[in-house]
Amino acid sequence: MDNINFSSQIEQDEYFMARAITLAKEAEAIDEVPVGAVAVRDGRIIAEAYNTREADRCATHHAELVAIERACAALGGWRLPGVTLYVTMEPCCMCAGAIINARVPRVVYGAKDFRFGAFGSALDLAEIPLNHRPEVVGGVLGEECAKILSDYFKKKR
């Protein structure tokens, strides 16, 4: 994918969140919780993923973790300098820990997760005095992200 020139950070964030939403819908199509994640560096997508916990029967196959693993492979190391991770739902403790461990400098999420969200909703790992604190931006296309999730869970009930 070629670099795209954006007129603002908001425009860029919405563009890449829209891609994450597309991935979330792909997860929903295979009956996974609809969460998508996109890792971007220098205006280019370097990795992307969606939840595959059910399909892979693995508790750690959240969209964020799979995207981080793929981004590490793409960059050839466990640190992810210059990467922004876009995810449709606020990361949980496990994913937030991986984000911090991988030194992801910026995280942008859509919908808040009041039960498990670890970047401000249930708790905030970015506020703990660790050796790395990512910039966290929440609510980008948040209503659309939240609707996808709420519609999915309504169908499941």
N, C-alpha and C. Protein backbone atom coordinates (compact mmCIF):
# COMPACT_ATOMS: atom_id res chain seq x y z
N MET A 1 0.84 -1.18 0.00
CA MET A 1 0.00 0.00 0.00
C MET A 1 0.89 1.24 0.00
N ASP A 2 0.58 2.17 -0.85
CA ASP A 2 1.35 3.41 -0.92
C ASP A 2 0.99 4.34 0.23
N ASN A 3 1.93 5.21 0.55
CA ASN A 3 1.66 6.22 1.56
C ASN A 3 0.55 7.14 1.08
N ILE A 4 -0.30 7.55 1.98
CA ILE A 4 -1.39 8.46 1.68
C ILE A 4 -1.11 9.75 2.43
N ASN A 5 -1.30 10.86 1.78
CA ASN A 5 -1.13 12.14 2.44
C ASN A 5 -2.44 12.55 3.10
N PHE A 6 -2.39 12.73 4.39
CA PHE A 6 -3.57 13.12 5.15
C PHE A 6 -3.46 14.59 5.54
N SER A 7 -4.59 15.28 5.57
CA SER A 7 -4.57 16.70 5.92
C SER A 7 -4.56 16.91 7.43
N SER A 8 -4.88 15.86 8.21
CA SER A 8 -4.88 16.00 9.67
C SER A 8 -4.70 14.63 10.32
N GLN A 9 -4.33 14.66 11.58
CA GLN A 9 -4.21 13.42 12.35
C GLN A 9 -5.56 12.74 12.48
N ILE A 10 -6.62 13.53 12.64
CA ILE A 10 -7.96 12.95 12.76
C ILE A 10 -8.33 12.20 11.48
N GLU A 11 -8.05 12.79 10.34
CA GLU A 11 -8.34 12.14 9.06
C GLU A 11 -7.58 10.82 8.95
N GLN A 12 -6.32 10.83 9.33
CA GLN A 12 -5.52 9.61 9.29
C GLN A 12 -6.07 8.56 10.24
N ASP A 13 -6.39 8.97 11.46
CA ASP A 13 -6.92 8.02 12.45
C ASP A 13 -8.23 7.40 11.97
N GLU A 14 -9.11 8.19 11.39
CA GLU A 14 -10.38 7.66 10.91
C GLU A 14 -10.18 6.72 9.72
N TYR A 15 -9.24 7.03 8.86
CA TYR A 15 -8.95 6.19 7.69
C TYR A 15 -8.52 4.78 8.13
N PHE A 16 -7.55 4.72 9.04
CA PHE A 16 -7.05 3.42 9.47
C PHE A 16 -8.03 2.70 10.40
N MET A 17 -8.82 3.46 11.16
CA MET A 17 -9.86 2.82 11.97
C MET A 17 -10.93 2.20 11.06
N ALA A 18 -11.21 2.83 9.95
CA ALA A 18 -12.17 2.25 9.00
C ALA A 18 -11.68 0.90 8.51
N ARG A 19 -10.39 0.76 8.29
CA ARG A 19 -9.83 -0.54 7.89
C ARG A 19 -9.99 -1.54 9.02
N ALA A 20 -9.75 -1.12 10.25
CA ALA A 20 -9.92 -2.00 11.40
C ALA A 20 -11.39 -2.45 11.52
N ILE A 21 -12.31 -1.56 11.21
CA ILE A 21 -13.73 -1.91 11.24
C ILE A 21 -14.04 -2.97 10.19
N THR A 22 -13.46 -2.84 9.01
CA THR A 22 -13.63 -3.86 7.97
C THR A 22 -13.15 -5.22 8.47
N LEU A 23 -12.02 -5.23 9.16
CA LEU A 23 -11.50 -6.47 9.72
C LEU A 23 -12.43 -7.02 10.81
N ALA A 24 -12.98 -6.14 11.63
CA ALA A 24 -13.92 -6.57 12.67
C ALA A 24 -15.13 -7.26 12.03
N LYS A 25 -15.60 -6.73 10.92
CA LYS A 25 -16.73 -7.35 10.22
C LYS A 25 -16.34 -8.71 9.65
N GLU A 26 -15.09 -8.88 9.25
CA GLU A 26 -14.62 -10.18 8.78
C GLU A 26 -14.64 -11.19 9.94
N ALA A 27 -14.26 -10.72 11.14
CA ALA A 27 -14.31 -11.59 12.31
C ALA A 27 -15.75 -12.01 12.60
N GLU A 28 -16.64 -11.06 12.53
CA GLU A 28 -18.05 -11.35 12.78
C GLU A 28 -18.59 -12.39 11.80
N ALA A 29 -18.15 -12.30 10.57
CA ALA A 29 -18.62 -13.22 9.54
C ALA A 29 -18.25 -14.67 9.84
N ILE A 30 -17.22 -14.89 10.66
CA ILE A 30 -16.85 -16.26 11.06
C ILE A 30 -17.21 -16.53 12.52
N ASP A 31 -18.13 -15.71 13.03
CA ASP A 31 -18.67 -15.83 14.39
C ASP A 31 -17.62 -15.64 15.48
N GLU A 32 -16.72 -14.70 15.25
CA GLU A 32 -15.78 -14.25 16.27
C GLU A 32 -16.27 -12.91 16.81
N VAL A 33 -15.89 -12.57 18.03
CA VAL A 33 -16.19 -11.24 18.54
C VAL A 33 -15.58 -10.24 17.57
N PRO A 34 -16.37 -9.31 17.05
CA PRO A 34 -15.91 -8.43 15.97
C PRO A 34 -14.95 -7.33 16.43
N VAL A 35 -13.68 -7.69 16.49
CA VAL A 35 -12.63 -6.74 16.81
C VAL A 35 -11.56 -6.86 15.74
N GLY A 36 -11.15 -5.71 15.20
CA GLY A 36 -10.09 -5.67 14.21
C GLY A 36 -8.97 -4.77 14.67
N ALA A 37 -7.75 -5.04 14.20
CA ALA A 37 -6.59 -4.24 14.57
C ALA A 37 -5.68 -4.05 13.36
N VAL A 38 -5.11 -2.85 13.27
CA VAL A 38 -4.23 -2.49 12.16
C VAL A 38 -3.00 -1.80 12.74
N ALA A 39 -1.82 -2.28 12.37
CA ALA A 39 -0.55 -1.66 12.78
C ALA A 39 -0.04 -0.83 11.61
N VAL A 40 0.24 0.44 11.88
CA VAL A 40 0.64 1.38 10.83
C VAL A 40 1.98 2.02 11.21
N ARG A 41 2.85 2.11 10.23
CA ARG A 41 4.12 2.81 10.43
C ARG A 41 4.41 3.63 9.17
N ASP A 42 4.76 4.88 9.38
CA ASP A 42 5.07 5.78 8.26
C ASP A 42 3.94 5.83 7.24
N GLY A 43 2.71 5.83 7.73
CA GLY A 43 1.55 5.95 6.85
C GLY A 43 1.20 4.70 6.07
N ARG A 44 1.81 3.57 6.42
CA ARG A 44 1.56 2.31 5.70
C ARG A 44 1.14 1.22 6.68
N ILE A 45 0.21 0.41 6.26
CA ILE A 45 -0.20 -0.74 7.06
C ILE A 45 0.91 -1.79 6.97
N ILE A 46 1.44 -2.17 8.13
CA ILE A 46 2.48 -3.21 8.15
C ILE A 46 1.94 -4.55 8.65
N ALA A 47 0.79 -4.50 9.32
CA ALA A 47 0.18 -5.74 9.82
C ALA A 47 -1.28 -5.45 10.17
N GLU A 48 -2.08 -6.49 10.09
CA GLU A 48 -3.48 -6.36 10.49
C GLU A 48 -3.99 -7.72 10.90
N ALA A 49 -5.08 -7.70 11.68
CA ALA A 49 -5.63 -8.96 12.18
C ALA A 49 -7.02 -8.71 12.73
N TYR A 50 -7.72 -9.82 12.99
CA TYR A 50 -8.98 -9.77 13.72
C TYR A 50 -8.99 -10.93 14.70
N ASN A 51 -9.95 -10.90 15.62
CA ASN A 51 -10.05 -11.95 16.63
C ASN A 51 -10.18 -13.32 15.97
N THR A 52 -9.44 -14.28 16.50
CA THR A 52 -9.56 -15.67 16.04
C THR A 52 -9.54 -16.65 17.22
N ARG A 53 -10.00 -16.19 18.37
CA ARG A 53 -9.99 -17.06 19.55
C ARG A 53 -10.80 -18.33 19.37
N GLU A 54 -11.98 -18.20 18.81
CA GLU A 54 -12.85 -19.36 18.62
C GLU A 54 -12.29 -20.29 17.54
N ALA A 55 -11.94 -19.73 16.41
CA ALA A 55 -11.44 -20.54 15.29
C ALA A 55 -10.15 -21.27 15.65
N ASP A 56 -9.26 -20.57 16.36
CA ASP A 56 -7.96 -21.16 16.71
C ASP A 56 -7.97 -21.85 18.07
N ARG A 57 -9.08 -21.69 18.79
CA ARG A 57 -9.20 -22.26 20.15
C ARG A 57 -8.03 -21.85 21.02
N CYS A 58 -7.76 -20.55 20.98
CA CYS A 58 -6.62 -20.01 21.73
C CYS A 58 -7.01 -18.69 22.40
N ALA A 59 -6.89 -18.63 23.70
CA ALA A 59 -7.30 -17.45 24.47
C ALA A 59 -6.53 -16.19 24.11
N THR A 60 -5.32 -16.34 23.59
CA THR A 60 -4.49 -15.16 23.30
C THR A 60 -4.68 -14.61 21.89
N HIS A 61 -5.53 -15.20 21.10
CA HIS A 61 -5.67 -14.73 19.72
C HIS A 61 -6.65 -13.57 19.60
N HIS A 62 -6.39 -12.54 20.39
CA HIS A 62 -7.09 -11.27 20.24
C HIS A 62 -6.49 -10.55 19.04
N ALA A 63 -7.27 -9.70 18.42
CA ALA A 63 -6.82 -8.97 17.22
C ALA A 63 -5.51 -8.22 17.48
N GLU A 64 -5.41 -7.57 18.62
CA GLU A 64 -4.21 -6.77 18.92
C GLU A 64 -2.96 -7.63 18.99
N LEU A 65 -3.06 -8.78 19.67
CA LEU A 65 -1.89 -9.63 19.83
C LEU A 65 -1.43 -10.22 18.50
N VAL A 66 -2.37 -10.62 17.68
CA VAL A 66 -2.01 -11.17 16.38
C VAL A 66 -1.39 -10.07 15.51
N ALA A 67 -1.96 -8.88 15.54
CA ALA A 67 -1.39 -7.77 14.77
C ALA A 67 0.01 -7.40 15.27
N ILE A 68 0.21 -7.42 16.58
CA ILE A 68 1.54 -7.13 17.13
C ILE A 68 2.54 -8.19 16.67
N GLU A 69 2.15 -9.45 16.75
CA GLU A 69 3.04 -10.53 16.32
C GLU A 69 3.42 -10.35 14.84
N ARG A 70 2.46 -10.03 14.02
CA ARG A 70 2.73 -9.83 12.59
C ARG A 70 3.59 -8.59 12.35
N ALA A 71 3.35 -7.54 13.12
CA ALA A 71 4.16 -6.32 12.98
C ALA A 71 5.60 -6.59 13.39
N CYS A 72 5.79 -7.35 14.45
CA CYS A 72 7.16 -7.72 14.86
C CYS A 72 7.86 -8.48 13.74
N ALA A 73 7.15 -9.40 13.12
CA ALA A 73 7.74 -10.17 12.00
C ALA A 73 8.07 -9.24 10.84
N ALA A 74 7.18 -8.29 10.56
CA ALA A 74 7.40 -7.37 9.44
C ALA A 74 8.61 -6.47 9.67
N LEU A 75 8.80 -6.06 10.94
CA LEU A 75 9.91 -5.15 11.25
C LEU A 75 11.17 -5.87 11.71
N GLY A 76 11.07 -7.16 11.98
CA GLY A 76 12.24 -7.93 12.34
C GLY A 76 12.73 -7.75 13.76
N GLY A 77 11.82 -7.45 14.67
CA GLY A 77 12.21 -7.31 16.08
C GLY A 77 11.00 -7.20 16.97
N TRP A 78 11.23 -7.30 18.28
CA TRP A 78 10.10 -7.26 19.20
C TRP A 78 9.67 -5.85 19.59
N ARG A 79 10.48 -4.88 19.32
CA ARG A 79 10.10 -3.48 19.57
C ARG A 79 9.43 -2.93 18.31
N LEU A 80 8.42 -2.11 18.51
CA LEU A 80 7.68 -1.55 17.38
C LEU A 80 7.75 -0.02 17.35
N PRO A 81 8.94 0.54 17.16
CA PRO A 81 9.06 2.00 17.14
C PRO A 81 8.31 2.59 15.95
N GLY A 82 7.69 3.73 16.18
CA GLY A 82 7.00 4.43 15.11
C GLY A 82 5.68 3.83 14.69
N VAL A 83 5.21 2.82 15.40
CA VAL A 83 3.96 2.14 15.03
C VAL A 83 2.78 2.73 15.80
N THR A 84 1.70 2.93 15.09
CA THR A 84 0.42 3.23 15.72
C THR A 84 -0.45 2.01 15.53
N LEU A 85 -1.06 1.55 16.63
CA LEU A 85 -1.96 0.40 16.57
C LEU A 85 -3.38 0.92 16.66
N TYR A 86 -4.16 0.62 15.64
CA TYR A 86 -5.58 0.98 15.59
C TYR A 86 -6.38 -0.27 15.92
N VAL A 87 -7.31 -0.15 16.85
CA VAL A 87 -8.12 -1.30 17.25
C VAL A 87 -9.54 -0.84 17.53
N THR A 88 -10.50 -1.63 17.12
CA THR A 88 -11.90 -1.20 17.20
C THR A 88 -12.45 -1.18 18.62
N MET A 89 -11.84 -1.92 19.52
CA MET A 89 -12.28 -1.92 20.92
C MET A 89 -11.09 -1.70 21.83
N GLU A 90 -11.31 -0.99 22.90
CA GLU A 90 -10.26 -0.72 23.88
C GLU A 90 -9.58 -2.02 24.30
N PRO A 91 -8.25 -2.06 24.25
CA PRO A 91 -7.54 -3.28 24.62
C PRO A 91 -7.76 -3.70 26.07
N CYS A 92 -7.78 -5.02 26.28
CA CYS A 92 -7.86 -5.59 27.62
C CYS A 92 -6.47 -5.54 28.27
N CYS A 93 -6.37 -6.04 29.50
CA CYS A 93 -5.09 -6.05 30.23
C CYS A 93 -4.01 -6.82 29.47
N MET A 94 -4.36 -7.97 28.93
CA MET A 94 -3.39 -8.79 28.21
C MET A 94 -2.85 -8.03 27.00
N CYS A 95 -3.75 -7.44 26.24
CA CYS A 95 -3.33 -6.73 25.03
C CYS A 95 -2.60 -5.43 25.36
N ALA A 96 -3.08 -4.73 26.37
CA ALA A 96 -2.40 -3.50 26.79
C ALA A 96 -0.98 -3.82 27.26
N GLY A 97 -0.81 -4.92 27.98
CA GLY A 97 0.52 -5.33 28.41
C GLY A 97 1.43 -5.63 27.23
N ALA A 98 0.91 -6.29 26.21
CA ALA A 98 1.70 -6.58 25.01
C ALA A 98 2.06 -5.28 24.28
N ILE A 99 1.13 -4.35 24.23
CA ILE A 99 1.38 -3.05 23.59
C ILE A 99 2.51 -2.33 24.30
N ILE A 100 2.46 -2.33 25.61
CA ILE A 100 3.51 -1.68 26.41
C ILE A 100 4.84 -2.43 26.22
N ASN A 101 4.81 -3.75 26.28
CA ASN A 101 6.02 -4.54 26.14
C ASN A 101 6.67 -4.34 24.77
N ALA A 102 5.85 -4.22 23.72
CA ALA A 102 6.38 -4.03 22.36
C ALA A 102 6.77 -2.58 22.09
N ARG A 103 6.59 -1.73 23.09
CA ARG A 103 6.96 -0.31 22.98
C ARG A 103 6.20 0.40 21.87
N VAL A 104 4.94 0.01 21.66
CA VAL A 104 4.10 0.70 20.68
C VAL A 104 3.90 2.12 21.19
N PRO A 105 4.30 3.14 20.43
CA PRO A 105 4.21 4.50 20.94
C PRO A 105 2.81 5.09 20.97
N ARG A 106 1.89 4.57 20.13
CA ARG A 106 0.57 5.20 20.04
C ARG A 106 -0.48 4.14 19.76
N VAL A 107 -1.58 4.23 20.52
CA VAL A 107 -2.71 3.32 20.36
C VAL A 107 -3.96 4.16 20.14
N VAL A 108 -4.73 3.79 19.13
CA VAL A 108 -5.99 4.47 18.83
C VAL A 108 -7.07 3.40 18.86
N TYR A 109 -8.09 3.60 19.69
CA TYR A 109 -9.17 2.62 19.73
C TYR A 109 -10.51 3.30 19.49
N GLY A 110 -11.49 2.47 19.13
CA GLY A 110 -12.83 2.98 18.84
C GLY A 110 -13.73 2.94 20.06
N ALA A 111 -14.29 1.78 20.36
CA ALA A 111 -15.27 1.64 21.44
C ALA A 111 -14.58 1.40 22.78
N LYS A 112 -15.13 2.00 23.81
CA LYS A 112 -14.66 1.73 25.17
C LYS A 112 -15.13 0.33 25.58
N ASP A 113 -14.37 -0.28 26.48
CA ASP A 113 -14.76 -1.57 27.04
C ASP A 113 -14.81 -1.39 28.56
N PHE A 114 -16.00 -1.11 29.07
CA PHE A 114 -16.15 -0.78 30.48
C PHE A 114 -15.93 -1.98 31.40
N ARG A 115 -15.99 -3.19 30.88
CA ARG A 115 -15.77 -4.37 31.71
C ARG A 115 -14.30 -4.77 31.78
N PHE A 116 -13.58 -4.66 30.64
CA PHE A 116 -12.22 -5.17 30.58
C PHE A 116 -11.20 -4.18 30.04
N GLY A 117 -11.61 -3.00 29.62
CA GLY A 117 -10.72 -2.04 28.99
C GLY A 117 -9.59 -1.60 29.92
N ALA A 118 -8.36 -1.66 29.42
CA ALA A 118 -7.19 -1.39 30.27
C ALA A 118 -6.47 -0.09 29.90
N PHE A 119 -7.12 0.75 29.10
CA PHE A 119 -6.55 2.05 28.79
C PHE A 119 -7.52 3.16 29.17
N GLY A 120 -8.15 3.01 30.35
CA GLY A 120 -8.96 4.09 30.86
C GLY A 120 -10.35 3.73 31.33
N SER A 121 -10.91 2.63 30.88
CA SER A 121 -12.28 2.31 31.25
C SER A 121 -12.36 1.51 32.55
N ALA A 122 -11.91 0.27 32.55
CA ALA A 122 -11.90 -0.54 33.77
C ALA A 122 -10.68 -0.20 34.63
N LEU A 123 -9.57 0.03 33.98
CA LEU A 123 -8.33 0.48 34.61
C LEU A 123 -7.47 1.14 33.54
N ASP A 124 -6.32 1.67 33.93
CA ASP A 124 -5.48 2.36 32.94
C ASP A 124 -4.01 1.99 33.12
N LEU A 125 -3.57 1.01 32.34
CA LEU A 125 -2.17 0.59 32.42
C LEU A 125 -1.21 1.67 31.92
N ALA A 126 -1.69 2.58 31.11
CA ALA A 126 -0.82 3.65 30.61
C ALA A 126 -0.46 4.65 31.71
N GLU A 127 -1.17 4.60 32.82
CA GLU A 127 -0.88 5.52 33.92
C GLU A 127 0.03 4.91 34.98
N ILE A 128 0.30 3.62 34.88
CA ILE A 128 1.20 2.97 35.82
C ILE A 128 2.63 3.34 35.44
N PRO A 129 3.47 3.67 36.40
CA PRO A 129 4.84 4.11 36.06
C PRO A 129 5.74 2.98 35.59
N LEU A 130 5.47 2.52 34.37
CA LEU A 130 6.30 1.49 33.75
C LEU A 130 7.35 2.18 32.88
N ASN A 131 8.21 1.39 32.26
CA ASN A 131 9.28 1.98 31.44
C ASN A 131 8.76 2.52 30.11
N HIS A 132 7.53 2.20 29.74
CA HIS A 132 6.95 2.72 28.49
C HIS A 132 5.49 3.07 28.72
N ARG A 133 5.10 4.23 28.26
CA ARG A 133 3.71 4.66 28.33
C ARG A 133 3.27 5.11 26.94
N PRO A 134 2.41 4.35 26.31
CA PRO A 134 1.95 4.76 24.99
C PRO A 134 0.98 5.94 25.08
N GLU A 135 0.96 6.73 24.04
CA GLU A 135 -0.10 7.72 23.88
C GLU A 135 -1.36 6.94 23.53
N VAL A 136 -2.46 7.23 24.18
CA VAL A 136 -3.71 6.51 23.93
C VAL A 136 -4.78 7.50 23.51
N VAL A 137 -5.42 7.22 22.38
CA VAL A 137 -6.51 8.03 21.87
C VAL A 137 -7.72 7.13 21.74
N GLY A 138 -8.79 7.45 22.42
CA GLY A 138 -10.00 6.64 22.38
C GLY A 138 -11.14 7.34 21.69
N GLY A 139 -12.11 6.56 21.25
CA GLY A 139 -13.33 7.10 20.69
C GLY A 139 -13.31 7.40 19.20
N VAL A 140 -12.27 7.00 18.48
CA VAL A 140 -12.20 7.26 17.04
C VAL A 140 -13.19 6.32 16.34
N LEU A 141 -14.17 6.89 15.68
CA LEU A 141 -15.29 6.15 15.08
C LEU A 141 -15.92 5.23 16.12
N GLY A 142 -15.94 5.72 17.35
CA GLY A 142 -16.38 4.92 18.49
C GLY A 142 -17.81 4.44 18.41
N GLU A 143 -18.72 5.27 17.92
CA GLU A 143 -20.11 4.84 17.84
C GLU A 143 -20.27 3.68 16.86
N GLU A 144 -19.61 3.75 15.72
CA GLU A 144 -19.69 2.67 14.75
C GLU A 144 -19.08 1.39 15.31
N CYS A 145 -17.93 1.52 15.96
CA CYS A 145 -17.29 0.35 16.57
C CYS A 145 -18.17 -0.27 17.63
N ALA A 146 -18.77 0.56 18.49
CA ALA A 146 -19.63 0.07 19.56
C ALA A 146 -20.87 -0.61 19.01
N LYS A 147 -21.43 -0.08 17.95
CA LYS A 147 -22.64 -0.66 17.34
C LYS A 147 -22.36 -2.05 16.78
N ILE A 148 -21.22 -2.22 16.15
CA ILE A 148 -20.87 -3.54 15.61
C ILE A 148 -20.82 -4.56 16.75
N LEU A 149 -20.19 -4.16 17.85
CA LEU A 149 -20.09 -5.07 19.00
C LEU A 149 -21.45 -5.32 19.64
N SER A 150 -22.23 -4.28 19.88
CA SER A 150 -23.53 -4.48 20.54
C SER A 150 -24.48 -5.30 19.67
N ASP A 151 -24.46 -5.06 18.35
CA ASP A 151 -25.31 -5.85 17.45
C ASP A 151 -24.90 -7.33 17.48
N TYR A 152 -23.60 -7.58 17.51
CA TYR A 152 -23.10 -8.95 17.56
C TYR A 152 -23.60 -9.66 18.82
N PHE A 153 -23.46 -8.99 19.97
CA PHE A 153 -23.85 -9.64 21.22
C PHE A 153 -25.36 -9.76 21.35
N LYS A 154 -26.13 -8.86 20.77
CA LYS A 154 -27.59 -9.01 20.75
C LYS A 154 -27.99 -10.27 20.00
N LYS A 155 -27.32 -10.55 18.88
CA LYS A 155 -27.60 -11.76 18.10
C LYS A 155 -27.26 -13.02 18.89
N LYS A 156 -26.23 -12.94 19.73
CA LYS A 156 -25.77 -14.11 20.49
C LYS A 156 -26.71 -14.44 21.65
N ARG A 157 -27.47 -13.47 22.10
CA ARG A 157 -28.33 -13.69 23.28
C ARG A 157 -29.66 -14.27 22.93
